[in-house]
Amino acid sequence: MKLILIIACVLITYIPVIAVISFIRALFSIRKGKAYVKEKFRDTFLHFFFELLNPFNWLL
């Protein structure tokens, strides 16, 4: 039960952090168009989110 609580707390804190990082990266690419901004946000968010789901990172 303790492990599930730790994983939930990490998800609750990590998802807003990666959303902010993705938003900042998207703001840097705002000159290239609205579609490009959405693409950069989505790519950055998914990259960090899938990195969170990688079980090898949980052991470190």
PDB file of N, CA and C in Angstrom:
ATOM      1  N   MET A   1       0.825  -1.195   0.000  1.00  0.00           N
ATOM      2  CA  MET A   1       0.000   0.000   0.000  1.00  0.00           C
ATOM      3  C   MET A   1       0.867   1.256   0.000  1.00  0.00           C
ATOM      4  N   LYS A   2       1.979   1.174   0.719  1.00  0.00           N
ATOM      5  CA  LYS A   2       2.871   2.317   0.807  1.00  0.00           C
ATOM      6  C   LYS A   2       3.473   2.652  -0.552  1.00  0.00           C
ATOM      7  N   LEU A   3       3.799   1.633  -1.337  1.00  0.00           N
ATOM      8  CA  LEU A   3       4.377   1.837  -2.663  1.00  0.00           C
ATOM      9  C   LEU A   3       3.379   2.516  -3.602  1.00  0.00           C
ATOM     10  N   ILE A   4       2.118   2.126  -3.515  1.00  0.00           N
ATOM     11  CA  ILE A   4       1.083   2.737  -4.350  1.00  0.00           C
ATOM     12  C   ILE A   4       0.904   4.208  -3.979  1.00  0.00           C
ATOM     13  N   LEU A   5       0.982   4.524  -2.711  1.00  0.00           N
ATOM     14  CA  LEU A   5       0.873   5.908  -2.262  1.00  0.00           C
ATOM     15  C   LEU A   5       2.046   6.745  -2.768  1.00  0.00           C
ATOM     16  N   ILE A   6       3.222   6.186  -2.739  1.00  0.00           N
ATOM     17  CA  ILE A   6       4.406   6.891  -3.240  1.00  0.00           C
ATOM     18  C   ILE A   6       4.272   7.148  -4.736  1.00  0.00           C
ATOM     19  N   ILE A   7       3.841   6.157  -5.485  1.00  0.00           N
ATOM     20  CA  ILE A   7       3.668   6.318  -6.932  1.00  0.00           C
ATOM     21  C   ILE A   7       2.601   7.375  -7.225  1.00  0.00           C
ATOM     22  N   ALA A   8       1.514   7.370  -6.473  1.00  0.00           N
ATOM     23  CA  ALA A   8       0.458   8.366  -6.669  1.00  0.00           C
ATOM     24  C   ALA A   8       0.969   9.774  -6.363  1.00  0.00           C
ATOM     25  N   CYS A   9       1.733   9.933  -5.301  1.00  0.00           N
ATOM     26  CA  CYS A   9       2.283  11.253  -4.961  1.00  0.00           C
ATOM     27  C   CYS A   9       3.248  11.748  -6.032  1.00  0.00           C
ATOM     28  N   VAL A  10       4.047  10.853  -6.567  1.00  0.00           N
ATOM     29  CA  VAL A  10       4.973  11.234  -7.634  1.00  0.00           C
ATOM     30  C   VAL A  10       4.201  11.668  -8.868  1.00  0.00           C
ATOM     31  N   LEU A  11       3.162  10.945  -9.227  1.00  0.00           N
ATOM     32  CA  LEU A  11       2.354  11.333 -10.384  1.00  0.00           C
ATOM     33  C   LEU A  11       1.678  12.685 -10.173  1.00  0.00           C
ATOM     34  N   ILE A  12       1.168  12.900  -8.971  1.00  0.00           N
ATOM     35  CA  ILE A  12       0.472  14.156  -8.679  1.00  0.00           C
ATOM     36  C   ILE A  12       1.425  15.342  -8.752  1.00  0.00           C
ATOM     37  N   THR A  13       2.657  15.166  -8.368  1.00  0.00           N
ATOM     38  CA  THR A  13       3.607  16.282  -8.421  1.00  0.00           C
ATOM     39  C   THR A  13       4.318  16.383  -9.769  1.00  0.00           C
ATOM     40  N   TYR A  14       4.551  15.273 -10.421  1.00  0.00           N
ATOM     41  CA  TYR A  14       5.346  15.278 -11.648  1.00  0.00           C
ATOM     42  C   TYR A  14       4.559  15.735 -12.859  1.00  0.00           C
ATOM     43  N   ILE A  15       3.279  15.393 -12.950  1.00  0.00           N
ATOM     44  CA  ILE A  15       2.483  15.769 -14.123  1.00  0.00           C
ATOM     45  C   ILE A  15       2.357  17.291 -14.256  1.00  0.00           C
ATOM     46  N   PRO A  16       2.077  18.047 -13.195  1.00  0.00           N
ATOM     47  CA  PRO A  16       2.069  19.514 -13.373  1.00  0.00           C
ATOM     48  C   PRO A  16       3.446  20.086 -13.744  1.00  0.00           C
ATOM     49  N   VAL A  17       4.504  19.491 -13.224  1.00  0.00           N
ATOM     50  CA  VAL A  17       5.847  19.969 -13.556  1.00  0.00           C
ATOM     51  C   VAL A  17       6.128  19.763 -15.038  1.00  0.00           C
ATOM     52  N   ILE A  18       5.799  18.598 -15.574  1.00  0.00           N
ATOM     53  CA  ILE A  18       6.066  18.387 -16.994  1.00  0.00           C
ATOM     54  C   ILE A  18       5.126  19.207 -17.863  1.00  0.00           C
ATOM     55  N   ALA A  19       3.940  19.524 -17.358  1.00  0.00           N
ATOM     56  CA  ALA A  19       3.041  20.409 -18.107  1.00  0.00           C
ATOM     57  C   ALA A  19       3.628  21.813 -18.183  1.00  0.00           C
ATOM     58  N   VAL A  20       4.213  22.299 -17.105  1.00  0.00           N
ATOM     59  CA  VAL A  20       4.835  23.627 -17.113  1.00  0.00           C
ATOM     60  C   VAL A  20       6.050  23.648 -18.038  1.00  0.00           C
ATOM     61  N   ILE A  21       6.871  22.619 -17.986  1.00  0.00           N
ATOM     62  CA  ILE A  21       8.034  22.542 -18.870  1.00  0.00           C
ATOM     63  C   ILE A  21       7.589  22.510 -20.328  1.00  0.00           C
ATOM     64  N   SER A  22       6.564  21.756 -20.620  1.00  0.00           N
ATOM     65  CA  SER A  22       6.045  21.681 -21.988  1.00  0.00           C
ATOM     66  C   SER A  22       5.475  23.022 -22.431  1.00  0.00           C
ATOM     67  N   PHE A  23       4.785  23.708 -21.525  1.00  0.00           N
ATOM     68  CA  PHE A  23       4.218  25.010 -21.846  1.00  0.00           C
ATOM     69  C   PHE A  23       5.311  26.029 -22.148  1.00  0.00           C
ATOM     70  N   ILE A  24       6.378  26.026 -21.364  1.00  0.00           N
ATOM     71  CA  ILE A  24       7.489  26.952 -21.602  1.00  0.00           C
ATOM     72  C   ILE A  24       8.152  26.654 -22.933  1.00  0.00           C
ATOM     73  N   ARG A  25       8.350  25.388 -23.241  1.00  0.00           N
ATOM     74  CA  ARG A  25       8.949  25.036 -24.527  1.00  0.00           C
ATOM     75  C   ARG A  25       8.040  25.432 -25.683  1.00  0.00           C
ATOM     76  N   ALA A  26       6.742  25.300 -25.499  1.00  0.00           N
ATOM     77  CA  ALA A  26       5.794  25.705 -26.537  1.00  0.00           C
ATOM     78  C   ALA A  26       5.803  27.223 -26.723  1.00  0.00           C
ATOM     79  N   LEU A  27       5.991  27.974 -25.650  1.00  0.00           N
ATOM     80  CA  LEU A  27       6.051  29.432 -25.770  1.00  0.00           C
ATOM     81  C   LEU A  27       7.248  29.889 -26.592  1.00  0.00           C
ATOM     82  N   PHE A  28       8.344  29.163 -26.502  1.00  0.00           N
ATOM     83  CA  PHE A  28       9.523  29.518 -27.289  1.00  0.00           C
ATOM     84  C   PHE A  28       9.295  29.318 -28.785  1.00  0.00           C
ATOM     85  N   SER A  29       8.358  28.467 -29.148  1.00  0.00           N
ATOM     86  CA  SER A  29       8.116  28.189 -30.563  1.00  0.00           C
ATOM     87  C   SER A  29       6.850  28.870 -31.081  1.00  0.00           C
ATOM     88  N   ILE A  30       6.406  29.918 -30.416  1.00  0.00           N
ATOM     89  CA  ILE A  30       5.138  30.558 -30.776  1.00  0.00           C
ATOM     90  C   ILE A  30       5.222  31.309 -32.109  1.00  0.00           C
ATOM     91  N   ARG A  31       6.389  31.692 -32.525  1.00  0.00           N
ATOM     92  CA  ARG A  31       6.534  32.431 -33.780  1.00  0.00           C
ATOM     93  C   ARG A  31       6.269  31.572 -35.003  1.00  0.00           C
ATOM     94  N   LYS A  32       6.369  30.274 -34.868  1.00  0.00           N
ATOM     95  CA  LYS A  32       6.247  29.380 -36.028  1.00  0.00           C
ATOM     96  C   LYS A  32       4.812  28.960 -36.313  1.00  0.00           C
ATOM     97  N   GLY A  33       3.873  29.394 -35.517  1.00  0.00           N
ATOM     98  CA  GLY A  33       2.472  29.089 -35.780  1.00  0.00           C
ATOM     99  C   GLY A  33       1.817  28.309 -34.660  1.00  0.00           C
ATOM    100  N   LYS A  34       0.493  28.373 -34.662  1.00  0.00           N
ATOM    101  CA  LYS A  34      -0.292  27.753 -33.600  1.00  0.00           C
ATOM    102  C   LYS A  34      -0.197  26.225 -33.639  1.00  0.00           C
ATOM    103  N   ALA A  35      -0.216  25.656 -34.836  1.00  0.00           N
ATOM    104  CA  ALA A  35      -0.136  24.194 -34.955  1.00  0.00           C
ATOM    105  C   ALA A  35       1.218  23.689 -34.470  1.00  0.00           C
ATOM    106  N   TYR A  36       2.262  24.433 -34.733  1.00  0.00           N
ATOM    107  CA  TYR A  36       3.601  24.033 -34.301  1.00  0.00           C
ATOM    108  C   TYR A  36       3.712  24.086 -32.778  1.00  0.00           C
ATOM    109  N   VAL A  37       3.063  25.071 -32.163  1.00  0.00           N
ATOM    110  CA  VAL A  37       3.076  25.194 -30.702  1.00  0.00           C
ATOM    111  C   VAL A  37       2.383  23.994 -30.066  1.00  0.00           C
ATOM    112  N   LYS A  38       1.230  23.620 -30.597  1.00  0.00           N
ATOM    113  CA  LYS A  38       0.509  22.455 -30.066  1.00  0.00           C
ATOM    114  C   LYS A  38       1.329  21.181 -30.227  1.00  0.00           C
ATOM    115  N   GLU A  39       1.996  21.064 -31.369  1.00  0.00           N
ATOM    116  CA  GLU A  39       2.819  19.874 -31.625  1.00  0.00           C
ATOM    117  C   GLU A  39       3.993  19.804 -30.646  1.00  0.00           C
ATOM    118  N   LYS A  40       4.661  20.930 -30.412  1.00  0.00           N
ATOM    119  CA  LYS A  40       5.788  20.955 -29.475  1.00  0.00           C
ATOM    120  C   LYS A  40       5.339  20.633 -28.052  1.00  0.00           C
ATOM    121  N   PHE A  41       4.192  21.195 -27.644  1.00  0.00           N
ATOM    122  CA  PHE A  41       3.681  20.910 -26.304  1.00  0.00           C
ATOM    123  C   PHE A  41       3.391  19.422 -26.161  1.00  0.00           C
ATOM    124  N   ARG A  42       2.681  18.866 -27.131  1.00  0.00           N
ATOM    125  CA  ARG A  42       2.305  17.450 -27.063  1.00  0.00           C
ATOM    126  C   ARG A  42       3.540  16.548 -27.077  1.00  0.00           C
ATOM    127  N   ASP A  43       4.503  16.840 -27.960  1.00  0.00           N
ATOM    128  CA  ASP A  43       5.703  16.007 -28.044  1.00  0.00           C
ATOM    129  C   ASP A  43       6.504  16.041 -26.754  1.00  0.00           C
ATOM    130  N   THR A  44       6.668  17.225 -26.193  1.00  0.00           N
ATOM    131  CA  THR A  44       7.438  17.344 -24.954  1.00  0.00           C
ATOM    132  C   THR A  44       6.715  16.666 -23.794  1.00  0.00           C
ATOM    133  N   PHE A  45       5.420  16.884 -23.681  1.00  0.00           N
ATOM    134  CA  PHE A  45       4.659  16.278 -22.586  1.00  0.00           C
ATOM    135  C   PHE A  45       4.697  14.755 -22.667  1.00  0.00           C
ATOM    136  N   LEU A  46       4.469  14.216 -23.865  1.00  0.00           N
ATOM    137  CA  LEU A  46       4.464  12.758 -24.005  1.00  0.00           C
ATOM    138  C   LEU A  46       5.841  12.156 -23.753  1.00  0.00           C
ATOM    139  N   HIS A  47       6.880  12.857 -24.183  1.00  0.00           N
ATOM    140  CA  HIS A  47       8.238  12.350 -23.950  1.00  0.00           C
ATOM    141  C   HIS A  47       8.515  12.231 -22.452  1.00  0.00           C
ATOM    142  N   PHE A  48       8.223  13.287 -21.695  1.00  0.00           N
ATOM    143  CA  PHE A  48       8.437  13.241 -20.252  1.00  0.00           C
ATOM    144  C   PHE A  48       7.507  12.245 -19.562  1.00  0.00           C
ATOM    145  N   PHE A  49       6.251  12.164 -20.017  1.00  0.00           N
ATOM    146  CA  PHE A  49       5.294  11.268 -19.373  1.00  0.00           C
ATOM    147  C   PHE A  49       5.694   9.802 -19.569  1.00  0.00           C
ATOM    148  N   PHE A  50       6.115   9.448 -20.785  1.00  0.00           N
ATOM    149  CA  PHE A  50       6.544   8.070 -21.010  1.00  0.00           C
ATOM    150  C   PHE A  50       7.850   7.771 -20.285  1.00  0.00           C
ATOM    151  N   GLU A  51       8.671   8.775 -20.078  1.00  0.00           N
ATOM    152  CA  GLU A  51       9.883   8.585 -19.291  1.00  0.00           C
ATOM    153  C   GLU A  51       9.520   8.300 -17.826  1.00  0.00           C
ATOM    154  N   LEU A  52       8.445   8.906 -17.347  1.00  0.00           N
ATOM    155  CA  LEU A  52       7.967   8.634 -15.997  1.00  0.00           C
ATOM    156  C   LEU A  52       7.483   7.194 -15.863  1.00  0.00           C
ATOM    157  N   LEU A  53       6.869   6.670 -16.913  1.00  0.00           N
ATOM    158  CA  LEU A  53       6.329   5.318 -16.868  1.00  0.00           C
ATOM    159  C   LEU A  53       7.397   4.234 -17.025  1.00  0.00           C
ATOM    160  N   ASN A  54       8.607   4.623 -17.369  1.00  0.00           N
ATOM    161  CA  ASN A  54       9.690   3.671 -17.546  1.00  0.00           C
ATOM    162  C   ASN A  54      10.061   3.058 -16.187  1.00  0.00           C
ATOM    163  N   PRO A  55       9.884   1.762 -16.014  1.00  0.00           N
ATOM    164  CA  PRO A  55      10.139   1.157 -14.684  1.00  0.00           C
ATOM    165  C   PRO A  55      11.614   1.162 -14.290  1.00  0.00           C
ATOM    166  N   PHE A  56      12.533   1.300 -15.242  1.00  0.00           N
ATOM    167  CA  PHE A  56      13.940   1.347 -14.881  1.00  0.00           C
ATOM    168  C   PHE A  56      14.276   2.630 -14.114  1.00  0.00           C
ATOM    169  N   ASN A  57      13.505   3.695 -14.332  1.00  0.00           N
ATOM    170  CA  ASN A  57      13.733   4.938 -13.600  1.00  0.00           C
ATOM    171  C   ASN A  57      13.259   4.839 -12.151  1.00  0.00           C
ATOM    172  N   TRP A  58      12.357   3.936 -11.865  1.00  0.00           N
ATOM    173  CA  TRP A  58      11.845   3.803 -10.505  1.00  0.00           C
ATOM    174  C   TRP A  58      12.888   3.220  -9.559  1.00  0.00           C
ATOM    175  N   LEU A  59      13.828   2.486 -10.100  1.00  0.00           N
ATOM    176  CA  LEU A  59      14.819   1.813  -9.264  1.00  0.00           C
ATOM    177  C   LEU A  59      15.973   2.723  -8.876  1.00  0.00           C
ATOM    178  N   LEU A  60      16.130   3.840  -9.559  1.00  0.00           N
ATOM    179  CA  LEU A  60      17.275   4.712  -9.280  1.00  0.00           C
ATOM    180  C   LEU A  60      17.026   5.689  -8.184  1.00  0.00           C
TER     181      LEU A  60
END
